[in-house]
Protein backbone atom coordinates (compact mmCIF):
# COMPACT_ATOMS: atom_id res chain seq x y z
CA MET A 1 7.00 -3.18 -21.89
CA ASN A 2 9.63 -4.14 -19.34
CA LYS A 3 7.96 -4.07 -15.90
CA VAL A 4 5.54 -2.11 -13.74
CA HIS A 5 7.32 1.15 -12.98
CA HIS A 6 5.33 2.41 -9.98
CA THR A 7 1.91 2.70 -8.39
CA ALA A 8 0.43 6.12 -7.52
CA ILE A 9 -1.71 6.49 -4.41
CA ILE A 10 -3.65 9.60 -3.40
CA CYS A 11 -4.28 9.75 0.33
CA SER A 12 -6.72 11.75 2.43
CA ASN A 13 -4.30 12.43 5.31
CA TYR A 14 -0.72 12.70 4.09
CA GLU A 15 1.04 12.39 7.46
CA ILE A 16 -0.96 9.34 8.54
CA SER A 17 -0.42 7.57 5.21
CA LYS A 18 3.26 8.54 5.11
CA GLN A 19 3.79 6.98 8.54
CA PHE A 20 1.85 3.86 7.53
CA TYR A 21 3.84 3.22 4.34
CA ILE A 22 7.18 3.96 6.03
CA ASN A 23 6.74 2.59 9.56
CA VAL A 24 4.24 -0.24 9.08
CA LEU A 25 5.11 -1.45 5.56
CA GLY A 26 8.79 -0.52 5.86
CA LEU A 27 9.13 1.33 2.56
CA GLU A 28 12.09 3.65 2.14
CA ILE A 29 11.92 7.32 1.19
CA ILE A 30 13.60 8.17 -2.09
CA ARG A 31 12.46 11.81 -2.16
CA GLU A 32 9.74 14.00 -0.79
CA VAL A 33 8.72 17.28 -2.40
CA TYR A 34 6.01 19.83 -1.76
CA ARG A 35 4.51 21.16 -4.97
CA LYS A 36 3.22 24.59 -3.98
CA GLU A 37 1.30 25.18 -7.22
CA ARG A 38 -0.74 22.00 -6.60
CA GLN A 39 -0.84 22.26 -2.80
CA SER A 40 0.40 18.69 -2.86
CA TYR A 41 3.12 16.51 -1.43
CA LYS A 42 4.70 13.82 -3.60
CA LEU A 43 6.56 11.10 -1.74
CA ASP A 44 8.53 8.55 -3.76
CA LEU A 45 8.93 5.25 -1.91
CA ALA A 46 11.09 2.19 -2.56
CA LEU A 47 11.08 -1.45 -1.56
CA ASN A 48 14.49 -3.12 -1.44
CA GLY A 49 15.93 -0.14 -3.33
CA ASN A 50 13.36 -0.36 -6.13
CA TYR A 51 11.08 2.63 -6.73
CA ILE A 52 7.50 1.37 -6.42
CA ILE A 53 5.04 3.91 -4.97
CA GLU A 54 4.24 7.59 -5.41
CA LEU A 55 2.21 8.82 -2.44
CA PHE A 56 0.31 12.05 -3.15
CA SER A 57 -1.66 14.50 -1.07
CA PHE A 58 -4.21 16.81 -2.66
CA PRO A 59 -6.67 19.17 -0.99
CA ASN A 60 -10.00 17.39 -0.48
CA PRO A 61 -9.67 14.39 -2.80
CA PRO A 62 -12.98 12.63 -3.49
CA TYR A 63 -13.62 9.32 -1.78
CA ARG A 64 -13.10 6.17 -3.88
CA PRO A 65 -14.98 3.08 -2.68
CA SER A 66 -13.05 -0.09 -1.89
CA ARG A 67 -15.98 -2.10 -0.64
CA PRO A 68 -18.08 -3.24 -2.28
CA GLU A 69 -15.48 -3.78 -4.97
CA ALA A 70 -15.72 -1.07 -7.61
CA CYS A 71 -14.45 -0.78 -11.18
CA GLY A 72 -10.82 0.22 -11.57
CA LEU A 73 -7.60 -0.92 -10.02
CA ARG A 74 -8.40 -3.26 -7.16
CA HIS A 75 -5.37 -3.49 -4.87
CA ILE A 76 -1.61 -3.49 -4.50
CA ALA A 77 0.12 -6.80 -3.68
CA PHE A 78 3.48 -7.55 -2.07
CA GLU A 79 5.28 -10.88 -2.26
CA VAL A 80 6.42 -12.05 1.18
CA GLU A 81 8.50 -14.95 2.47
CA ASP A 82 6.55 -15.61 5.69
CA LEU A 83 2.89 -14.64 5.94
CA GLU A 84 2.65 -15.19 9.71
CA SER A 85 5.50 -12.79 10.46
CA ILE A 86 3.90 -10.11 8.29
CA ILE A 87 0.54 -10.63 10.02
CA THR A 88 2.21 -10.40 13.44
CA HIS A 89 4.10 -7.25 12.41
CA CYS A 90 0.86 -5.67 11.21
CA LYS A 91 -0.99 -6.66 14.39
CA ASN A 92 1.83 -5.14 16.48
CA ASN A 93 1.18 -1.91 14.56
CA ASN A 94 -2.61 -2.05 15.12
CA VAL A 95 -3.32 -3.17 11.55
CA ILE A 96 -5.53 -6.24 11.37
CA ALA A 97 -5.17 -8.77 8.55
CA GLU A 98 -8.06 -10.69 7.09
CA PRO A 99 -8.04 -14.49 7.57
CA ILE A 100 -5.45 -16.27 5.46
CA ARG A 101 -6.81 -17.64 2.19
CA LEU A 102 -5.44 -20.13 -0.31
CA ASP A 103 -5.14 -19.29 -4.01
CA GLU A 104 -7.02 -22.15 -5.67
CA PHE A 105 -4.83 -21.98 -8.79
CA THR A 106 -1.34 -21.69 -7.25
CA ASN A 107 -1.96 -23.17 -3.79
CA LYS A 108 -0.16 -20.12 -2.34
CA ARG A 109 -1.40 -18.41 0.81
CA PHE A 110 -2.39 -14.74 0.97
CA THR A 111 -4.14 -12.17 3.10
CA PHE A 112 -5.25 -8.55 2.91
CA ILE A 113 -4.91 -5.49 5.11
CA ALA A 114 -6.15 -1.96 4.46
CA ASP A 115 -4.14 1.25 4.40
CA PRO A 116 -5.41 4.36 6.26
CA ASP A 117 -7.76 5.16 3.33
CA ASN A 118 -9.06 1.59 3.16
CA LEU A 119 -7.01 0.75 0.05
CA PRO A 120 -6.70 -3.05 -0.01
CA ILE A 121 -3.12 -4.31 0.31
CA GLU A 122 -2.40 -7.97 -0.34
CA PHE A 123 0.47 -10.03 1.06
CA TYR A 124 1.10 -13.06 -1.15
CA GLU A 125 3.41 -15.79 0.16
CA LYS A 126 6.27 -16.80 -2.11
């Protein structure tokens, strides 16, 4: 294996999630297609020019619990230079971050927010 290629996310409200990932997180659109046969949008998003997320819409997707923590993939994490500026940016966009924590093994700071479907998103300071 070489690297993680992308992460796929299925959202409950495509337009709200699309705006969140583009306007709040600042990801860039690579391509957006509507797949008529699946009644589904597929939005490919990039960070710093690197393809990282596929955002999907499907009619009536079942709810997946985030809390309490359930089996399966737990969260998506982004490395950041300055945790406070990310927290401020999120707050300015009505997204509240959890209190900053310290990784006991690396002594690096991190926090979590939630996307519109309550998917945990971690910001981990470089």
